[in-house]
Amino acid sequence: MNTWKFASLVEVDKVFKIDGLNIWNFYWHCCDRKIEVISPFEGNIYFFNEYEIKTPEKTVTFVAGEFSDGQIGVYLKEESTITSKS
């Protein structure tokens, strides 16, 4: 079983890179899997979709969804890295 950890709140179209890829520059392929995650703020349970971004060099997998307060949360597997949050 994969361990998904909260990575960040992200704003639509604001640069957010995972393994060097800005997620907003790519099509998010939905993997048709709902992943149970826990909000880092109030501890509520959510079921967010798992997504993949594919380039010729690599595939990046992450979980993303909208919290009840309208913020978008991103969760990563432990081995994934955030390379930039500007």
N, C-alpha and C. Protein backbone atom coordinates (compact mmCIF):
# COMPACT_ATOMS: atom_id res chain seq x y z
N MET A 1 0.84 -1.20 0.00
CA MET A 1 0.00 0.00 0.00
C MET A 1 0.88 1.25 0.00
N ASN A 2 0.54 2.20 -0.85
CA ASN A 2 1.31 3.43 -0.93
C ASN A 2 0.97 4.36 0.22
N THR A 3 1.97 5.06 0.70
CA THR A 3 1.76 6.06 1.72
C THR A 3 1.75 7.43 1.05
N TRP A 4 0.65 8.13 1.18
CA TRP A 4 0.50 9.46 0.59
C TRP A 4 0.60 10.48 1.71
N LYS A 5 1.47 11.45 1.53
CA LYS A 5 1.67 12.49 2.53
C LYS A 5 1.28 13.84 1.95
N PHE A 6 0.68 14.67 2.80
CA PHE A 6 0.31 16.01 2.37
C PHE A 6 1.56 16.77 1.95
N ALA A 7 1.50 17.39 0.76
CA ALA A 7 2.64 18.15 0.24
C ALA A 7 2.41 19.65 0.36
N SER A 8 1.23 20.11 -0.10
CA SER A 8 1.01 21.56 -0.12
C SER A 8 -0.41 21.88 -0.53
N LEU A 9 -0.81 23.10 -0.18
CA LEU A 9 -1.98 23.71 -0.79
C LEU A 9 -1.48 24.41 -2.04
N VAL A 10 -2.21 24.31 -3.12
CA VAL A 10 -1.76 24.94 -4.36
C VAL A 10 -2.87 25.82 -4.91
N GLU A 11 -2.45 26.86 -5.59
CA GLU A 11 -3.39 27.75 -6.27
C GLU A 11 -3.39 27.41 -7.75
N VAL A 12 -4.57 27.46 -8.35
CA VAL A 12 -4.68 27.16 -9.77
C VAL A 12 -3.79 28.10 -10.56
N ASP A 13 -3.02 27.53 -11.45
CA ASP A 13 -2.11 28.23 -12.37
C ASP A 13 -0.89 28.86 -11.69
N LYS A 14 -0.71 28.68 -10.38
CA LYS A 14 0.52 29.14 -9.73
C LYS A 14 1.51 27.99 -9.79
N VAL A 15 2.75 28.28 -10.14
CA VAL A 15 3.76 27.24 -10.34
C VAL A 15 3.84 26.31 -9.13
N PHE A 16 3.73 25.03 -9.40
CA PHE A 16 3.93 23.99 -8.38
C PHE A 16 4.59 22.81 -9.08
N LYS A 17 5.83 22.53 -8.72
CA LYS A 17 6.60 21.49 -9.41
C LYS A 17 6.75 20.24 -8.55
N ILE A 18 6.55 19.11 -9.21
CA ILE A 18 6.82 17.81 -8.62
C ILE A 18 7.85 17.13 -9.51
N ASP A 19 8.95 16.72 -8.93
CA ASP A 19 10.05 16.11 -9.69
C ASP A 19 10.43 16.95 -10.91
N GLY A 20 10.40 18.26 -10.75
CA GLY A 20 10.82 19.18 -11.80
C GLY A 20 9.75 19.56 -12.80
N LEU A 21 8.55 19.00 -12.69
CA LEU A 21 7.48 19.29 -13.64
C LEU A 21 6.42 20.19 -12.99
N ASN A 22 6.14 21.32 -13.64
CA ASN A 22 5.07 22.19 -13.17
C ASN A 22 3.74 21.51 -13.53
N ILE A 23 2.97 21.12 -12.52
CA ILE A 23 1.77 20.33 -12.76
C ILE A 23 0.75 21.03 -13.66
N TRP A 24 0.77 22.36 -13.69
CA TRP A 24 -0.22 23.10 -14.48
C TRP A 24 0.13 23.14 -15.96
N ASN A 25 1.32 22.68 -16.34
CA ASN A 25 1.72 22.68 -17.74
C ASN A 25 1.41 21.37 -18.45
N PHE A 26 0.74 20.44 -17.76
CA PHE A 26 0.51 19.12 -18.32
C PHE A 26 -0.93 18.69 -18.10
N TYR A 27 -1.36 17.76 -18.95
CA TYR A 27 -2.66 17.11 -18.78
C TYR A 27 -2.56 16.15 -17.60
N TRP A 28 -3.54 16.20 -16.71
CA TRP A 28 -3.59 15.27 -15.58
C TRP A 28 -4.45 14.08 -15.98
N HIS A 29 -3.82 12.94 -16.14
CA HIS A 29 -4.57 11.73 -16.47
C HIS A 29 -5.10 11.12 -15.17
N CYS A 30 -6.42 11.02 -15.04
CA CYS A 30 -7.03 10.45 -13.83
C CYS A 30 -6.86 8.93 -13.88
N CYS A 31 -6.34 8.39 -12.81
CA CYS A 31 -6.07 6.95 -12.73
C CYS A 31 -7.29 6.14 -12.31
N ASP A 32 -8.43 6.79 -12.14
CA ASP A 32 -9.68 6.15 -11.73
C ASP A 32 -9.56 5.45 -10.38
N ARG A 33 -8.74 6.02 -9.50
CA ARG A 33 -8.62 5.51 -8.14
C ARG A 33 -8.88 6.64 -7.16
N LYS A 34 -9.70 6.36 -6.19
CA LYS A 34 -9.93 7.30 -5.10
C LYS A 34 -9.00 6.90 -3.96
N ILE A 35 -8.27 7.87 -3.44
CA ILE A 35 -7.32 7.64 -2.36
C ILE A 35 -7.82 8.35 -1.11
N GLU A 36 -7.83 7.63 -0.01
CA GLU A 36 -8.23 8.24 1.26
C GLU A 36 -7.07 9.05 1.81
N VAL A 37 -7.32 10.33 2.06
CA VAL A 37 -6.31 11.21 2.64
C VAL A 37 -6.92 11.93 3.84
N ILE A 38 -6.05 12.44 4.68
CA ILE A 38 -6.50 13.18 5.86
C ILE A 38 -6.05 14.62 5.74
N SER A 39 -6.98 15.52 5.95
CA SER A 39 -6.66 16.95 5.90
C SER A 39 -5.63 17.26 6.99
N PRO A 40 -4.58 18.02 6.63
CA PRO A 40 -3.57 18.36 7.64
C PRO A 40 -4.06 19.44 8.61
N PHE A 41 -5.21 20.02 8.35
CA PHE A 41 -5.68 21.13 9.16
C PHE A 41 -6.72 20.69 10.20
N GLU A 42 -7.83 20.12 9.75
CA GLU A 42 -8.86 19.74 10.69
C GLU A 42 -8.94 18.23 10.92
N GLY A 43 -8.12 17.46 10.18
CA GLY A 43 -8.07 16.01 10.38
C GLY A 43 -9.22 15.25 9.74
N ASN A 44 -10.03 15.92 8.90
CA ASN A 44 -11.13 15.24 8.22
C ASN A 44 -10.59 14.31 7.14
N ILE A 45 -11.36 13.27 6.86
CA ILE A 45 -10.99 12.31 5.81
C ILE A 45 -11.64 12.75 4.50
N TYR A 46 -10.86 12.70 3.43
CA TYR A 46 -11.32 13.01 2.08
C TYR A 46 -10.94 11.86 1.15
N PHE A 47 -11.66 11.73 0.04
CA PHE A 47 -11.31 10.77 -0.99
C PHE A 47 -11.01 11.57 -2.26
N PHE A 48 -9.73 11.68 -2.57
CA PHE A 48 -9.26 12.45 -3.72
C PHE A 48 -8.82 11.50 -4.83
N ASN A 49 -8.80 12.01 -6.05
CA ASN A 49 -8.36 11.22 -7.20
C ASN A 49 -6.84 11.15 -7.29
N GLU A 50 -6.36 10.03 -7.80
CA GLU A 50 -4.95 9.88 -8.12
C GLU A 50 -4.76 10.27 -9.59
N TYR A 51 -3.71 11.04 -9.85
CA TYR A 51 -3.44 11.52 -11.21
C TYR A 51 -2.01 11.16 -11.63
N GLU A 52 -1.81 11.11 -12.96
CA GLU A 52 -0.48 10.91 -13.54
C GLU A 52 -0.22 12.00 -14.56
N ILE A 53 1.02 12.46 -14.58
CA ILE A 53 1.52 13.33 -15.64
C ILE A 53 2.63 12.55 -16.31
N LYS A 54 2.55 12.43 -17.63
CA LYS A 54 3.55 11.66 -18.37
C LYS A 54 4.31 12.55 -19.34
N THR A 55 5.62 12.40 -19.32
CA THR A 55 6.49 13.02 -20.33
C THR A 55 7.32 11.89 -20.92
N PRO A 56 8.05 12.14 -22.00
CA PRO A 56 8.91 11.08 -22.53
C PRO A 56 9.97 10.60 -21.52
N GLU A 57 10.35 11.46 -20.60
CA GLU A 57 11.40 11.12 -19.65
C GLU A 57 10.89 10.47 -18.37
N LYS A 58 9.68 10.81 -17.93
CA LYS A 58 9.22 10.31 -16.63
C LYS A 58 7.72 10.37 -16.50
N THR A 59 7.24 9.68 -15.46
CA THR A 59 5.84 9.73 -15.07
C THR A 59 5.78 10.18 -13.62
N VAL A 60 4.94 11.17 -13.35
CA VAL A 60 4.77 11.71 -12.00
C VAL A 60 3.35 11.35 -11.56
N THR A 61 3.24 10.79 -10.36
CA THR A 61 1.95 10.41 -9.81
C THR A 61 1.70 11.22 -8.55
N PHE A 62 0.47 11.71 -8.40
CA PHE A 62 0.11 12.48 -7.21
C PHE A 62 -1.39 12.36 -6.98
N VAL A 63 -1.82 12.78 -5.80
CA VAL A 63 -3.23 12.80 -5.44
C VAL A 63 -3.60 14.26 -5.21
N ALA A 64 -4.74 14.67 -5.75
CA ALA A 64 -5.16 16.07 -5.59
C ALA A 64 -6.67 16.14 -5.47
N GLY A 65 -7.11 17.16 -4.75
CA GLY A 65 -8.54 17.38 -4.61
C GLY A 65 -8.81 18.65 -3.84
N GLU A 66 -10.08 19.00 -3.78
CA GLU A 66 -10.48 20.24 -3.14
C GLU A 66 -11.03 19.97 -1.74
N PHE A 67 -10.48 20.66 -0.77
CA PHE A 67 -10.98 20.58 0.60
C PHE A 67 -12.30 21.35 0.69
N SER A 68 -13.02 21.17 1.77
CA SER A 68 -14.32 21.81 1.94
C SER A 68 -14.25 23.33 1.94
N ASP A 69 -13.07 23.88 2.25
CA ASP A 69 -12.93 25.34 2.26
C ASP A 69 -12.50 25.89 0.90
N GLY A 70 -12.51 25.04 -0.14
CA GLY A 70 -12.19 25.49 -1.49
C GLY A 70 -10.72 25.47 -1.85
N GLN A 71 -9.86 25.04 -0.94
CA GLN A 71 -8.44 24.99 -1.23
C GLN A 71 -8.09 23.65 -1.86
N ILE A 72 -7.10 23.66 -2.77
CA ILE A 72 -6.67 22.45 -3.45
C ILE A 72 -5.47 21.87 -2.71
N GLY A 73 -5.60 20.62 -2.30
CA GLY A 73 -4.51 19.93 -1.61
C GLY A 73 -3.84 18.93 -2.54
N VAL A 74 -2.52 18.83 -2.43
CA VAL A 74 -1.75 17.86 -3.19
C VAL A 74 -1.03 16.93 -2.21
N TYR A 75 -1.11 15.65 -2.51
CA TYR A 75 -0.45 14.62 -1.71
C TYR A 75 0.51 13.86 -2.61
N LEU A 76 1.67 13.52 -2.06
CA LEU A 76 2.71 12.81 -2.81
C LEU A 76 3.10 11.53 -2.10
N LYS A 77 3.60 10.57 -2.90
CA LYS A 77 4.20 9.39 -2.30
C LYS A 77 5.49 9.83 -1.63
N GLU A 78 5.94 9.08 -0.68
CA GLU A 78 7.11 9.48 0.09
C GLU A 78 8.35 9.72 -0.77
N GLU A 79 8.51 8.97 -1.87
CA GLU A 79 9.71 9.13 -2.69
C GLU A 79 9.67 10.31 -3.65
N SER A 80 8.51 10.93 -3.85
CA SER A 80 8.39 12.10 -4.74
C SER A 80 8.96 13.33 -4.06
N THR A 81 9.39 14.27 -4.88
CA THR A 81 9.96 15.50 -4.34
C THR A 81 9.33 16.72 -4.97
N ILE A 82 9.15 17.73 -4.14
CA ILE A 82 8.71 19.04 -4.63
C ILE A 82 9.99 19.80 -4.94
N THR A 83 10.13 20.27 -6.17
CA THR A 83 11.35 20.96 -6.54
C THR A 83 11.22 22.46 -6.50
N SER A 84 9.99 22.96 -6.45
CA SER A 84 9.81 24.40 -6.41
C SER A 84 8.40 24.72 -5.97
N LYS A 85 8.26 25.79 -5.20
CA LYS A 85 6.93 26.26 -4.81
C LYS A 85 6.86 27.78 -4.98
N SER A 86 7.26 28.28 -6.12
CA SER A 86 7.22 29.73 -6.33
C SER A 86 6.12 30.12 -7.27
